[in-house]
């Protein structure tokens, strides 16, 4: 018997891996991601779009089309919904409980997960450590 799909928020690197079909995502996690996509409970933060744009502009991420077009296609193909930056998330990212590092993208992604009750899918050790303290839900990949 399958469980209910979780409400997931893909960290930027996981979204890029998913879109590029990279085999870095373990099969059980990939199945969970596909279930969430099918249930329309799979999200990516608008901050991840900013990160993709930044990486592409610095030549650290090669895209096969103009960035905005890549983003539109990637959102569609991955079955992700866009989690927008709200006033509540903007405030939350500066008031995260406990100790969390200062990277603004990670702070906004983590705050988005907390405010929207989403589970972050990530390989980022700092987010996973923060989740282990009980401050956010995370799924390691």
C-alpha atoms as a PDB file:
ATOM      1  CA  UNK A   1       0.000   0.000   0.000  1.00  0.00           C
ATOM      2  CA  UNK A   2       1.411   3.384  -1.044  1.00  0.00           C
ATOM      3  CA  UNK A   3       1.517   6.259   1.379  1.00  0.00           C
ATOM      4  CA  UNK A   4       0.130   9.686   0.617  1.00  0.00           C
ATOM      5  CA  UNK A   5       2.547  11.823  -1.432  1.00  0.00           C
ATOM      6  CA  UNK A   6       4.511  14.275   0.634  1.00  0.00           C
ATOM      7  CA  UNK A   7       4.575  17.981  -0.051  1.00  0.00           C
ATOM      8  CA  UNK A   8       8.113  18.403  -1.308  1.00  0.00           C
ATOM      9  CA  UNK A   9      10.366  21.368  -2.007  1.00  0.00           C
ATOM     10  CA  UNK A  10      13.332  20.540  -4.228  1.00  0.00           C
ATOM     11  CA  UNK A  11      16.602  22.200  -3.359  1.00  0.00           C
ATOM     12  CA  UNK A  12      18.150  23.858  -6.406  1.00  0.00           C
ATOM     13  CA  UNK A  13      20.715  21.147  -7.102  1.00  0.00           C
ATOM     14  CA  UNK A  14      18.101  18.392  -6.871  1.00  0.00           C
ATOM     15  CA  UNK A  15      15.821  20.239  -9.311  1.00  0.00           C
ATOM     16  CA  UNK A  16      18.695  20.640 -11.777  1.00  0.00           C
ATOM     17  CA  UNK A  17      19.602  16.941 -11.435  1.00  0.00           C
ATOM     18  CA  UNK A  18      15.967  15.964 -11.975  1.00  0.00           C
ATOM     19  CA  UNK A  19      15.588  18.126 -15.077  1.00  0.00           C
ATOM     20  CA  UNK A  20      18.884  16.924 -16.535  1.00  0.00           C
ATOM     21  CA  UNK A  21      18.018  13.282 -15.810  1.00  0.00           C
ATOM     22  CA  UNK A  22      21.143  12.798 -13.755  1.00  0.00           C
ATOM     23  CA  UNK A  23      21.438   9.558 -11.813  1.00  0.00           C
ATOM     24  CA  UNK A  24      22.482  11.301  -8.588  1.00  0.00           C
ATOM     25  CA  UNK A  25      19.030  10.973  -7.010  1.00  0.00           C
ATOM     26  CA  UNK A  26      18.560   7.592  -5.277  1.00  0.00           C
ATOM     27  CA  UNK A  27      15.696   5.516  -6.707  1.00  0.00           C
ATOM     28  CA  UNK A  28      13.497   5.601  -3.551  1.00  0.00           C
ATOM     29  CA  UNK A  29      13.798   9.401  -3.390  1.00  0.00           C
ATOM     30  CA  UNK A  30      13.096   9.660  -7.112  1.00  0.00           C
ATOM     31  CA  UNK A  31       9.913   7.601  -6.648  1.00  0.00           C
ATOM     32  CA  UNK A  32       8.812   9.927  -3.843  1.00  0.00           C
ATOM     33  CA  UNK A  33       9.493  12.928  -6.099  1.00  0.00           C
ATOM     34  CA  UNK A  34       7.461  11.397  -8.952  1.00  0.00           C
ATOM     35  CA  UNK A  35       4.569  10.665  -6.587  1.00  0.00           C
ATOM     36  CA  UNK A  36       4.584  14.273  -5.399  1.00  0.00           C
ATOM     37  CA  UNK A  37       4.734  15.545  -8.995  1.00  0.00           C
ATOM     38  CA  UNK A  38       1.749  13.381  -9.900  1.00  0.00           C
ATOM     39  CA  UNK A  39      -0.179  14.752  -6.934  1.00  0.00           C
ATOM     40  CA  UNK A  40       0.891  18.324  -7.765  1.00  0.00           C
ATOM     41  CA  UNK A  41       2.618  18.605  -4.385  1.00  0.00           C
ATOM     42  CA  UNK A  42       6.132  19.103  -5.769  1.00  0.00           C
ATOM     43  CA  UNK A  43       7.551  22.607  -5.488  1.00  0.00           C
ATOM     44  CA  UNK A  44      10.631  24.615  -6.322  1.00  0.00           C
ATOM     45  CA  UNK A  45      11.374  27.967  -4.723  1.00  0.00           C
ATOM     46  CA  UNK A  46      11.584  31.092  -6.804  1.00  0.00           C
ATOM     47  CA  UNK A  47      15.011  31.388  -5.151  1.00  0.00           C
ATOM     48  CA  UNK A  48      16.100  28.298  -7.097  1.00  0.00           C
ATOM     49  CA  UNK A  49      15.282  30.126 -10.313  1.00  0.00           C
ATOM     50  CA  UNK A  50      17.489  32.974  -9.144  1.00  0.00           C
ATOM     51  CA  UNK A  51      20.265  30.463  -8.408  1.00  0.00           C
ATOM     52  CA  UNK A  52      19.925  28.816 -11.840  1.00  0.00           C
ATOM     53  CA  UNK A  53      20.113  32.233 -13.473  1.00  0.00           C
ATOM     54  CA  UNK A  54      23.171  33.172 -11.417  1.00  0.00           C
ATOM     55  CA  UNK A  55      24.967  29.891 -12.199  1.00  0.00           C
ATOM     56  CA  UNK A  56      24.163  30.217 -15.905  1.00  0.00           C
ATOM     57  CA  UNK A  57      25.345  33.844 -16.023  1.00  0.00           C
ATOM     58  CA  UNK A  58      28.680  32.804 -14.470  1.00  0.00           C
ATOM     59  CA  UNK A  59      29.073  29.876 -16.867  1.00  0.00           C
ATOM     60  CA  UNK A  60      28.861  27.338 -14.026  1.00  0.00           C
ATOM     61  CA  UNK A  61      25.654  25.835 -15.444  1.00  0.00           C
ATOM     62  CA  UNK A  62      25.283  25.299 -19.150  1.00  0.00           C
ATOM     63  CA  UNK A  63      21.723  25.560 -20.409  1.00  0.00           C
ATOM     64  CA  UNK A  64      20.515  24.354 -23.800  1.00  0.00           C
ATOM     65  CA  UNK A  65      18.335  27.447 -24.310  1.00  0.00           C
ATOM     66  CA  UNK A  66      17.916  30.969 -22.919  1.00  0.00           C
ATOM     67  CA  UNK A  67      17.556  30.886 -19.134  1.00  0.00           C
ATOM     68  CA  UNK A  68      13.924  31.985 -18.847  1.00  0.00           C
ATOM     69  CA  UNK A  69      12.895  29.501 -21.515  1.00  0.00           C
ATOM     70  CA  UNK A  70      14.899  26.777 -19.722  1.00  0.00           C
ATOM     71  CA  UNK A  71      13.100  27.593 -16.458  1.00  0.00           C
ATOM     72  CA  UNK A  72       9.649  27.403 -18.081  1.00  0.00           C
ATOM     73  CA  UNK A  73      10.449  24.066 -19.725  1.00  0.00           C
ATOM     74  CA  UNK A  74      12.094  22.732 -16.543  1.00  0.00           C
ATOM     75  CA  UNK A  75       9.079  23.607 -14.383  1.00  0.00           C
ATOM     76  CA  UNK A  76       6.767  21.860 -16.832  1.00  0.00           C
ATOM     77  CA  UNK A  77       8.902  18.756 -17.414  1.00  0.00           C
ATOM     78  CA  UNK A  78       9.685  18.206 -13.754  1.00  0.00           C
ATOM     79  CA  UNK A  79       6.066  18.634 -12.671  1.00  0.00           C
ATOM     80  CA  UNK A  80       7.038  21.284 -10.165  1.00  0.00           C
ATOM     81  CA  UNK A  81       4.923  24.142  -8.954  1.00  0.00           C
ATOM     82  CA  UNK A  82       6.564  27.464  -8.178  1.00  0.00           C
ATOM     83  CA  UNK A  83       6.744  28.429  -4.497  1.00  0.00           C
ATOM     84  CA  UNK A  84       6.759  32.208  -4.502  1.00  0.00           C
ATOM     85  CA  UNK A  85       8.594  34.450  -2.086  1.00  0.00           C
ATOM     86  CA  UNK A  86       5.970  35.882   0.248  1.00  0.00           C
ATOM     87  CA  UNK A  87       6.347  38.534   2.929  1.00  0.00           C
ATOM     88  CA  UNK A  88       6.052  35.810   5.574  1.00  0.00           C
ATOM     89  CA  UNK A  89       8.878  33.793   4.004  1.00  0.00           C
ATOM     90  CA  UNK A  90      11.065  36.914   3.643  1.00  0.00           C
ATOM     91  CA  UNK A  91      10.653  37.652   7.341  1.00  0.00           C
ATOM     92  CA  UNK A  92      11.030  33.997   8.392  1.00  0.00           C
ATOM     93  CA  UNK A  93      14.365  33.637   6.583  1.00  0.00           C
ATOM     94  CA  UNK A  94      15.860  36.285   8.867  1.00  0.00           C
ATOM     95  CA  UNK A  95      14.320  34.812  12.012  1.00  0.00           C
ATOM     96  CA  UNK A  96      15.058  31.116  11.586  1.00  0.00           C
ATOM     97  CA  UNK A  97      15.269  29.486  15.012  1.00  0.00           C
ATOM     98  CA  UNK A  98      18.471  27.856  16.176  1.00  0.00           C
ATOM     99  CA  UNK A  99      21.728  28.282  14.295  1.00  0.00           C
ATOM    100  CA  UNK A 100      21.670  28.367  10.527  1.00  0.00           C
ATOM    101  CA  UNK A 101      24.331  29.575   8.098  1.00  0.00           C
ATOM    102  CA  UNK A 102      24.096  32.883   6.269  1.00  0.00           C
ATOM    103  CA  UNK A 103      23.653  31.748   2.628  1.00  0.00           C
ATOM    104  CA  UNK A 104      20.572  33.717   1.480  1.00  0.00           C
ATOM    105  CA  UNK A 105      19.379  31.079  -1.004  1.00  0.00           C
ATOM    106  CA  UNK A 106      19.477  28.306   1.596  1.00  0.00           C
ATOM    107  CA  UNK A 107      17.783  30.556   4.138  1.00  0.00           C
ATOM    108  CA  UNK A 108      14.927  31.383   1.761  1.00  0.00           C
ATOM    109  CA  UNK A 109      14.508  27.750   0.670  1.00  0.00           C
ATOM    110  CA  UNK A 110      14.488  26.632   4.308  1.00  0.00           C
ATOM    111  CA  UNK A 111      12.072  29.403   5.327  1.00  0.00           C
ATOM    112  CA  UNK A 112       9.801  28.445   2.412  1.00  0.00           C
ATOM    113  CA  UNK A 113       9.721  24.856   3.629  1.00  0.00           C
ATOM    114  CA  UNK A 114       8.905  25.959   7.168  1.00  0.00           C
ATOM    115  CA  UNK A 115       6.180  28.441   6.222  1.00  0.00           C
ATOM    116  CA  UNK A 116       4.548  26.234   3.590  1.00  0.00           C
ATOM    117  CA  UNK A 117       4.950  22.959   5.570  1.00  0.00           C
ATOM    118  CA  UNK A 118       7.073  21.354   2.865  1.00  0.00           C
ATOM    119  CA  UNK A 119       9.844  18.759   3.089  1.00  0.00           C
ATOM    120  CA  UNK A 120      13.106  19.928   1.512  1.00  0.00           C
ATOM    121  CA  UNK A 121      14.718  17.337  -0.756  1.00  0.00           C
ATOM    122  CA  UNK A 122      18.437  18.037  -0.577  1.00  0.00           C
ATOM    123  CA  UNK A 123      21.968  16.747  -0.328  1.00  0.00           C
ATOM    124  CA  UNK A 124      23.056  19.943   1.432  1.00  0.00           C
ATOM    125  CA  UNK A 125      24.641  18.855   4.722  1.00  0.00           C
ATOM    126  CA  UNK A 126      23.837  22.145   6.481  1.00  0.00           C
ATOM    127  CA  UNK A 127      20.117  21.916   5.679  1.00  0.00           C
ATOM    128  CA  UNK A 128      20.075  18.233   6.683  1.00  0.00           C
ATOM    129  CA  UNK A 129      21.815  19.047   9.977  1.00  0.00           C
ATOM    130  CA  UNK A 130      19.286  21.825  10.597  1.00  0.00           C
ATOM    131  CA  UNK A 131      16.480  19.349   9.920  1.00  0.00           C
ATOM    132  CA  UNK A 132      18.029  16.863  12.342  1.00  0.00           C
ATOM    133  CA  UNK A 133      17.586  19.529  15.034  1.00  0.00           C
ATOM    134  CA  UNK A 134      13.848  19.527  14.275  1.00  0.00           C
ATOM    135  CA  UNK A 135      13.603  22.971  12.693  1.00  0.00           C
ATOM    136  CA  UNK A 136      12.542  21.865   9.204  1.00  0.00           C
ATOM    137  CA  UNK A 137      11.521  18.649   7.483  1.00  0.00           C
ATOM    138  CA  UNK A 138      14.082  17.280   5.006  1.00  0.00           C
ATOM    139  CA  UNK A 139      14.595  14.232   2.838  1.00  0.00           C
ATOM    140  CA  UNK A 140      18.223  13.364   2.101  1.00  0.00           C
ATOM    141  CA  UNK A 141      19.180  12.397  -1.406  1.00  0.00           C
END
